[in-house]
């Protein structure tokens, strides 16, 4: 029996030790998670990201000029890589497997692995491949919290992202319209264009005789002339002067693409920007309501801590005592320029029914 009691006691001690160590680890993880979520840490990450982009510019310029990259650029890149590795280890310690559920964290892991691969290749083969450098630009996504802190910049980014869909679908419509006019241009415009070329009007243009020889070349010509606005009259005007009835064809191309579809695309982008603004206002309202609920929850918690007799009410004496001993409450009051001598007036404002007590719940 004594032996069994000794084993049982040792098991309890072991369980208590494991529980204590787990609580310490959990507390440390919570502390690390709190540090990672602070605005100061996000600003440090944003500064390092911008510095990494600047170093990337120098690396690209020196490699393009077939010059050796200066040591200070390589050293700076290595220091930033070590910083990102340490930061990634800290985040993995704080969040564990939850880290892999965050797309931004997965992108960071991939970029760090690519940077490490680039460093190994550079050390072994003494070669620097440009394809390994540009994934660093993905780190700019880490600035999203800083962007959210600036409402005007956040709105611009939301509008830009919202414009992607109408631009893509507008591009599809323009491609279909170019295909339609390209199919018509090959049988009707190309023979006339060859005749203009035989007249010697395209002596200074090597591509002009081939402008409408195929559907693809016709689409490319219309893209150059109408969408890019480059040399519209170099081919079109000689054709219209030779056969004026072709003006109907080119007016149709110009009206359908330049005046119709491109303006429809612009209208879609403007509409998406208005939707983004509405969604941003709605998101800000939701965030404000969430902040209000959190503030109310914190206020109730402070009220419970000030309520020393646990009767659900705060008396004037408890308010004064709380101002002396409760540091967070005192700091909040001092932030609003409320000092000890203002507590009577504050209590009078809170005590609306003049009962001598304040219901903090």
Protein backbone atom coordinates (compact mmCIF):
# COMPACT_ATOMS: atom_id res chain seq x y z
CA UNK A 1 0.00 0.00 0.00
CA UNK A 2 2.84 2.36 0.88
CA UNK A 3 4.40 1.63 -2.50
CA UNK A 4 1.11 2.32 -4.32
CA UNK A 5 0.68 5.56 -2.40
CA UNK A 6 4.22 6.59 -3.37
CA UNK A 7 3.51 5.85 -7.06
CA UNK A 8 0.22 7.74 -6.91
CA UNK A 9 1.89 10.72 -5.27
CA UNK A 10 4.66 10.74 -7.88
CA UNK A 11 2.05 10.63 -10.68
CA UNK A 12 0.26 13.62 -9.19
CA UNK A 13 3.53 15.52 -8.89
CA UNK A 14 4.38 14.71 -12.51
CA UNK A 15 0.93 15.80 -13.72
CA UNK A 16 1.17 19.01 -11.70
CA UNK A 17 4.62 19.75 -13.14
CA UNK A 18 3.39 19.12 -16.71
CA UNK A 19 0.35 21.31 -16.12
CA UNK A 20 2.51 24.11 -14.74
CA UNK A 21 4.93 23.92 -17.67
CA UNK A 22 2.01 23.92 -20.11
CA UNK A 23 0.54 26.99 -18.45
CA UNK A 24 3.90 28.76 -18.69
CA UNK A 25 4.17 27.78 -22.37
CA UNK A 26 0.60 28.92 -23.04
CA UNK A 27 1.28 32.22 -21.30
CA UNK A 28 4.43 32.68 -23.37
CA UNK A 29 2.57 31.91 -26.58
CA UNK A 30 -0.16 34.39 -25.67
CA UNK A 31 2.49 37.02 -24.99
CA UNK A 32 4.18 36.35 -28.35
CA UNK A 33 0.82 36.45 -30.15
CA UNK A 34 0.05 39.77 -28.47
CA UNK A 35 3.38 41.22 -29.60
CA UNK A 36 2.82 40.01 -33.17
CA UNK A 37 -0.58 41.70 -33.32
CA UNK A 38 0.60 45.13 -32.15
CA UNK A 39 0.64 48.09 -34.49
CA UNK A 40 4.30 48.75 -33.71
CA UNK A 41 5.34 45.28 -34.88
CA UNK A 42 3.32 45.70 -38.09
CA UNK A 43 5.10 49.01 -38.75
CA UNK A 44 8.48 47.29 -38.25
CA UNK A 45 7.46 44.57 -40.72
CA UNK A 46 6.29 47.20 -43.22
CA UNK A 47 9.59 49.12 -42.89
CA UNK A 48 11.61 45.92 -43.43
CA UNK A 49 9.45 45.03 -46.44
CA UNK A 50 10.03 48.43 -48.05
CA UNK A 51 13.75 48.14 -47.31
CA UNK A 52 13.76 44.70 -48.95
CA UNK A 53 12.12 46.15 -52.06
CA UNK A 54 14.73 48.95 -52.21
CA UNK A 55 17.55 46.40 -51.99
CA UNK A 56 15.80 44.38 -54.70
CA UNK A 57 15.91 47.45 -56.97
CA UNK A 58 19.66 47.82 -56.45
CA UNK A 59 20.25 44.10 -57.07
CA UNK A 60 18.24 44.22 -60.30
CA UNK A 61 20.03 47.30 -61.59
CA UNK A 62 23.52 45.95 -60.85
CA UNK A 63 22.73 42.55 -62.39
CA UNK A 64 21.25 44.20 -65.50
CA UNK A 65 24.47 46.18 -65.94
CA UNK A 66 26.53 42.98 -65.50
CA UNK A 67 28.19 44.48 -62.43
CA UNK A 68 28.98 42.84 -59.12
CA UNK A 69 26.35 43.52 -56.50
CA UNK A 70 27.91 45.63 -53.70
CA UNK A 71 28.63 43.91 -50.41
CA UNK A 72 26.33 46.25 -48.48
CA UNK A 73 23.38 45.19 -50.65
CA UNK A 74 24.09 41.48 -50.11
CA UNK A 75 24.67 42.02 -46.40
CA UNK A 76 21.42 43.94 -46.06
CA UNK A 77 19.50 41.21 -47.88
CA UNK A 78 21.05 38.52 -45.66
CA UNK A 79 20.19 40.44 -42.48
CA UNK A 80 16.59 40.86 -43.64
CA UNK A 81 16.41 37.16 -44.48
CA UNK A 82 17.59 36.27 -40.96
CA UNK A 83 15.02 38.69 -39.54
CA UNK A 84 12.21 37.06 -41.54
CA UNK A 85 13.32 33.58 -40.46
CA UNK A 86 13.35 34.59 -36.77
CA UNK A 87 9.97 36.29 -37.16
CA UNK A 88 8.57 33.17 -38.83
CA UNK A 89 9.88 30.97 -36.00
CA UNK A 90 8.26 33.27 -33.43
CA UNK A 91 4.94 33.14 -35.27
CA UNK A 92 5.16 29.36 -35.54
CA UNK A 93 5.79 29.18 -31.78
CA UNK A 94 2.83 31.44 -31.04
CA UNK A 95 0.28 29.99 -33.46
CA UNK A 96 1.63 26.47 -34.11
CA UNK A 97 -0.36 24.66 -36.81
CA UNK A 98 -2.85 27.52 -37.08
CA UNK A 99 -0.09 29.37 -38.94
CA UNK A 100 -0.72 27.21 -42.01
CA UNK A 101 -4.37 28.30 -42.11
CA UNK A 102 -3.37 31.91 -42.79
CA UNK A 103 -2.71 32.48 -46.54
CA UNK A 104 -0.35 35.39 -45.81
CA UNK A 105 1.74 33.18 -43.50
CA UNK A 106 1.93 30.47 -46.15
CA UNK A 107 3.16 33.07 -48.64
CA UNK A 108 5.81 34.18 -46.13
CA UNK A 109 6.99 30.59 -45.69
CA UNK A 110 7.27 30.12 -49.46
CA UNK A 111 9.17 33.40 -49.92
CA UNK A 112 11.59 32.55 -47.11
CA UNK A 113 12.24 29.12 -48.62
CA UNK A 114 12.86 30.69 -52.04
CA UNK A 115 15.29 33.21 -50.49
CA UNK A 116 17.13 30.41 -48.72
CA UNK A 117 17.35 28.46 -51.98
CA UNK A 118 18.71 31.54 -53.74
CA UNK A 119 21.35 32.04 -51.04
CA UNK A 120 22.47 28.39 -51.28
CA UNK A 121 22.71 28.54 -55.08
CA UNK A 122 24.63 31.81 -54.87
CA UNK A 123 27.11 30.31 -52.38
CA UNK A 124 27.59 27.04 -54.28
CA UNK A 125 27.49 28.14 -57.93
CA UNK A 126 28.25 31.88 -57.53
CA UNK A 127 25.24 32.71 -59.70
CA UNK A 128 22.30 34.98 -58.98
CA UNK A 129 19.06 34.04 -60.76
CA UNK A 130 16.55 36.85 -61.20
CA UNK A 131 13.59 34.46 -60.89
CA UNK A 132 14.44 33.95 -57.20
CA UNK A 133 14.42 37.66 -56.41
CA UNK A 134 10.99 38.77 -57.51
CA UNK A 135 8.89 36.62 -55.11
CA UNK A 136 10.08 39.05 -52.43
CA UNK A 137 7.52 41.49 -53.80
CA UNK A 138 4.85 39.21 -52.33
CA UNK A 139 5.90 40.47 -48.91
CA UNK A 140 4.14 43.74 -49.73
CA UNK A 141 0.93 41.92 -48.77
CA UNK A 142 2.19 42.06 -45.17
CA UNK A 143 1.37 45.77 -45.17
CA UNK A 144 -2.36 45.11 -45.21
CA UNK A 145 -2.87 46.11 -41.56
CA UNK A 146 -1.03 49.39 -42.10
CA UNK A 147 -3.20 49.98 -45.16
CA UNK A 148 -6.32 49.35 -43.07
CA UNK A 149 -5.12 51.94 -40.57
CA UNK A 150 -5.24 54.62 -43.31
CA UNK A 151 -8.89 54.85 -44.48
CA UNK A 152 -8.17 56.70 -47.74
CA UNK A 153 -5.43 54.26 -48.77
CA UNK A 154 -7.55 51.28 -47.75
CA UNK A 155 -10.41 52.57 -49.90
CA UNK A 156 -8.09 53.00 -52.90
CA UNK A 157 -6.82 49.44 -52.56
CA UNK A 158 -10.37 48.07 -52.28
CA UNK A 159 -11.40 50.03 -55.38
CA UNK A 160 -8.36 48.71 -57.26
CA UNK A 161 -9.15 45.12 -56.32
CA UNK A 162 -12.80 45.63 -57.17
CA UNK A 163 -11.86 46.90 -60.64
CA UNK A 164 -10.12 43.62 -61.54
CA UNK A 165 -13.34 41.75 -62.40
CA UNK A 166 -14.90 44.40 -64.70
CA UNK A 167 -11.54 44.91 -66.42
CA UNK A 168 -11.17 41.18 -67.08
CA UNK A 169 -14.69 40.76 -68.45
CA UNK A 170 -14.35 43.97 -70.44
CA UNK A 171 -11.15 42.58 -71.93
CA UNK A 172 -13.05 39.45 -72.97
CA UNK A 173 -15.73 41.56 -74.71
CA UNK A 174 -13.11 43.66 -76.50
CA UNK A 175 -11.32 40.51 -77.67
CA UNK A 176 -14.59 39.14 -79.06
CA UNK A 177 -15.31 42.43 -80.82
CA UNK A 178 -11.78 42.52 -82.26
CA UNK A 179 -12.29 38.95 -83.47
CA UNK A 180 -15.54 39.94 -85.18
CA UNK A 181 -14.01 42.90 -87.03
CA UNK A 182 -10.85 40.89 -87.80
CA UNK A 183 -12.94 38.22 -89.55
CA UNK A 184 -14.50 40.95 -91.71
CA UNK A 185 -11.25 42.80 -92.36
CA UNK A 186 -9.42 39.88 -93.99
CA UNK A 187 -11.76 39.40 -97.00
CA UNK A 188 -12.84 43.05 -97.41
CA UNK A 189 -9.90 45.23 -96.30
CA UNK A 190 -6.83 43.15 -97.10
CA UNK A 191 -7.23 43.22 -100.95
CA UNK A 192 -7.59 47.01 -100.89
CA UNK A 193 -4.63 47.28 -98.55
CA UNK A 194 -2.46 45.31 -101.00
CA UNK A 195 -3.47 47.69 -103.76
CA UNK A 196 -2.44 50.67 -101.62
CA UNK A 197 0.90 48.95 -100.97
CA UNK A 198 1.48 48.45 -104.73
CA UNK A 199 0.92 52.17 -105.21
CA UNK A 200 3.98 52.80 -103.00
CA UNK A 201 2.15 54.57 -100.17
CA UNK A 202 3.65 52.22 -97.55
CA UNK A 203 7.32 52.63 -98.53
CA UNK A 204 8.22 53.87 -95.04
CA UNK A 205 6.21 51.15 -93.24
CA UNK A 206 7.30 47.50 -93.41
CA UNK A 207 4.28 46.15 -91.54
CA UNK A 208 1.53 48.13 -93.28
CA UNK A 209 1.13 45.75 -96.29
CA UNK A 210 0.60 42.86 -93.81
CA UNK A 211 -1.77 44.75 -91.53
CA UNK A 212 -4.90 42.76 -92.55
CA UNK A 213 -3.43 39.59 -94.06
CA UNK A 214 -4.86 37.38 -91.27
CA UNK A 215 -7.40 37.58 -88.47
CA UNK A 216 -4.64 37.84 -85.88
CA UNK A 217 -2.84 40.61 -87.78
CA UNK A 218 -6.15 42.47 -88.19
CA UNK A 219 -6.86 42.24 -84.45
CA UNK A 220 -3.34 43.45 -83.72
CA UNK A 221 -3.78 46.38 -86.11
CA UNK A 222 -7.08 47.44 -84.52
CA UNK A 223 -5.52 47.14 -81.05
CA UNK A 224 -2.65 49.39 -82.14
CA UNK A 225 -4.89 51.94 -83.82
CA UNK A 226 -7.93 52.14 -81.54
CA UNK A 227 -7.01 50.88 -78.10
CA UNK A 228 -3.43 52.17 -78.02
CA UNK A 229 -4.17 55.17 -80.24
CA UNK A 230 -1.01 54.66 -82.29
CA UNK A 231 -0.81 55.69 -85.98
CA UNK A 232 -4.51 55.45 -86.76
CA UNK A 233 -4.21 57.43 -89.96
CA UNK A 234 -1.10 55.69 -91.31
CA UNK A 235 -3.13 52.79 -92.73
CA UNK A 236 -6.74 53.90 -92.41
CA UNK A 237 -6.58 57.22 -94.28
CA UNK A 238 -4.92 55.84 -97.46
CA UNK A 239 -7.57 53.07 -97.58
CA UNK A 240 -10.46 55.53 -97.17
CA UNK A 241 -8.98 57.87 -99.79
CA UNK A 242 -8.74 55.00 -102.26
CA UNK A 243 -12.23 53.62 -101.47
CA UNK A 244 -14.36 56.12 -99.47
CA UNK A 245 -17.04 53.49 -98.74
CA UNK A 246 -14.57 51.78 -96.37
CA UNK A 247 -15.11 54.68 -93.99
CA UNK A 248 -18.34 52.96 -92.89
CA UNK A 249 -16.32 49.91 -91.86
CA UNK A 250 -13.70 51.87 -89.90
CA UNK A 251 -16.31 54.07 -88.24
CA UNK A 252 -18.07 50.90 -87.09
CA UNK A 253 -14.83 49.56 -85.65
CA UNK A 254 -14.08 52.83 -83.88
CA UNK A 255 -17.59 53.32 -82.46
CA UNK A 256 -18.05 49.73 -81.27
CA UNK A 257 -14.66 49.46 -79.55
CA UNK A 258 -13.45 52.94 -78.59
CA UNK A 259 -16.75 54.63 -77.86
CA UNK A 260 -18.89 51.72 -76.69
CA UNK A 261 -16.93 48.90 -75.08
CA UNK A 262 -14.13 50.95 -73.55
CA UNK A 263 -16.63 53.36 -71.99
CA UNK A 264 -18.66 50.40 -70.72
CA UNK A 265 -15.47 49.10 -69.09
CA UNK A 266 -14.91 52.50 -67.49
CA UNK A 267 -18.50 52.54 -66.21
CA UNK A 268 -17.96 49.07 -64.73
CA UNK A 269 -14.79 50.22 -62.97
CA UNK A 270 -16.58 53.28 -61.55
CA UNK A 271 -19.50 51.13 -60.40
CA UNK A 272 -17.14 48.67 -58.72
CA UNK A 273 -15.41 51.60 -56.98
CA UNK A 274 -18.80 52.79 -55.66
CA UNK A 275 -19.56 49.27 -54.44
CA UNK A 276 -16.15 49.10 -52.77
CA UNK A 277 -16.86 52.39 -51.01
CA UNK A 278 -20.24 51.10 -49.79
CA UNK A 279 -18.66 47.84 -48.59
CA UNK A 280 -15.89 49.80 -46.90
CA UNK A 281 -18.42 51.98 -45.07
CA UNK A 282 -20.34 48.87 -44.03
CA UNK A 283 -17.15 47.15 -42.85
CA UNK A 284 -16.16 50.22 -40.85
CA UNK A 285 -19.60 50.30 -39.24
CA UNK A 286 -19.29 46.64 -38.31
CA UNK A 287 -15.79 47.24 -36.93
CA UNK A 288 -17.02 50.23 -34.94
CA UNK A 289 -19.83 48.13 -33.46
CA UNK A 290 -17.34 45.38 -32.63
CA UNK A 291 -15.05 47.92 -30.96
CA UNK A 292 -18.04 49.22 -29.00
CA UNK A 293 -18.89 45.72 -27.77
CA UNK A 294 -15.29 45.09 -26.76
CA UNK A 295 -15.16 48.43 -24.96
CA UNK A 296 -18.40 47.60 -23.15
CA UNK A 297 -17.01 44.21 -22.17
CA UNK A 298 -13.84 45.83 -20.84
CA UNK A 299 -15.93 48.40 -18.96
CA UNK A 300 -18.01 45.67 -17.32
CA UNK A 301 -14.82 43.86 -16.36
CA UNK A 302 -13.40 47.04 -14.81
CA UNK A 303 -16.71 47.50 -12.99
CA UNK A 304 -16.46 44.01 -11.51
CA UNK A 305 -12.92 44.76 -10.34
CA UNK A 306 -14.01 48.04 -8.73
CA UNK A 307 -17.02 46.39 -7.07
CA UNK A 308 -15.26 45.11 -3.97
CA UNK A 309 -18.41 43.89 -2.18
CA UNK A 310 -19.71 42.12 -5.34
CA UNK A 311 -23.26 43.50 -5.08
CA UNK A 312 -23.44 44.53 -8.76
CA UNK A 313 -23.17 48.25 -8.01
CA UNK A 314 -20.34 50.73 -7.56
CA UNK A 315 -20.49 53.21 -4.72
CA UNK A 316 -18.69 56.55 -4.57
CA UNK A 317 -16.19 55.09 -2.10
CA UNK A 318 -15.50 52.12 -4.39
CA UNK A 319 -14.96 54.52 -7.27
CA UNK A 320 -12.43 56.52 -5.23
CA UNK A 321 -10.70 53.40 -3.98
CA UNK A 322 -10.55 51.99 -7.51
CA UNK A 323 -8.94 55.20 -8.77
CA UNK A 324 -6.18 54.73 -6.19
CA UNK A 325 -5.45 51.00 -6.59
CA UNK A 326 -6.68 50.08 -10.11
CA UNK A 327 -3.92 51.18 -12.48
CA UNK A 328 -5.79 50.58 -15.77
CA UNK A 329 -8.84 52.50 -14.51
CA UNK A 330 -6.69 55.38 -13.28
CA UNK A 331 -4.81 55.56 -16.60
CA UNK A 332 -8.10 55.61 -18.54
CA UNK A 333 -9.40 58.44 -16.38
CA UNK A 334 -6.17 60.41 -16.66
CA UNK A 335 -6.27 59.97 -20.44
CA UNK A 336 -9.61 61.82 -20.34
CA UNK A 337 -8.12 64.51 -18.05
CA UNK A 338 -10.13 63.23 -15.07
CA UNK A 339 -8.22 63.50 -11.81
CA UNK A 340 -9.02 62.69 -8.19
CA UNK A 341 -10.90 65.90 -7.54
CA UNK A 342 -13.19 65.26 -10.53
CA UNK A 343 -14.49 61.92 -9.23
CA UNK A 344 -17.45 63.49 -7.42
CA UNK A 345 -18.64 65.16 -10.60
CA UNK A 346 -18.07 61.93 -12.55
CA UNK A 347 -20.07 59.90 -10.06
CA UNK A 348 -22.91 62.45 -10.16
CA UNK A 349 -23.07 62.08 -13.95
CA UNK A 350 -23.09 58.28 -13.77
CA UNK A 351 -25.62 58.16 -10.94
CA UNK A 352 -28.63 59.27 -12.96
CA UNK A 353 -31.27 58.22 -10.41
CA UNK A 354 -29.38 59.72 -7.43
CA UNK A 355 -29.44 56.36 -5.65
CA UNK A 356 -25.84 56.63 -4.52
CA UNK A 357 -24.87 53.61 -6.62
CA UNK A 358 -23.93 52.99 -10.27
CA UNK A 359 -25.08 49.85 -12.10
CA UNK A 360 -22.03 48.95 -14.21
CA UNK A 361 -23.67 45.97 -15.97
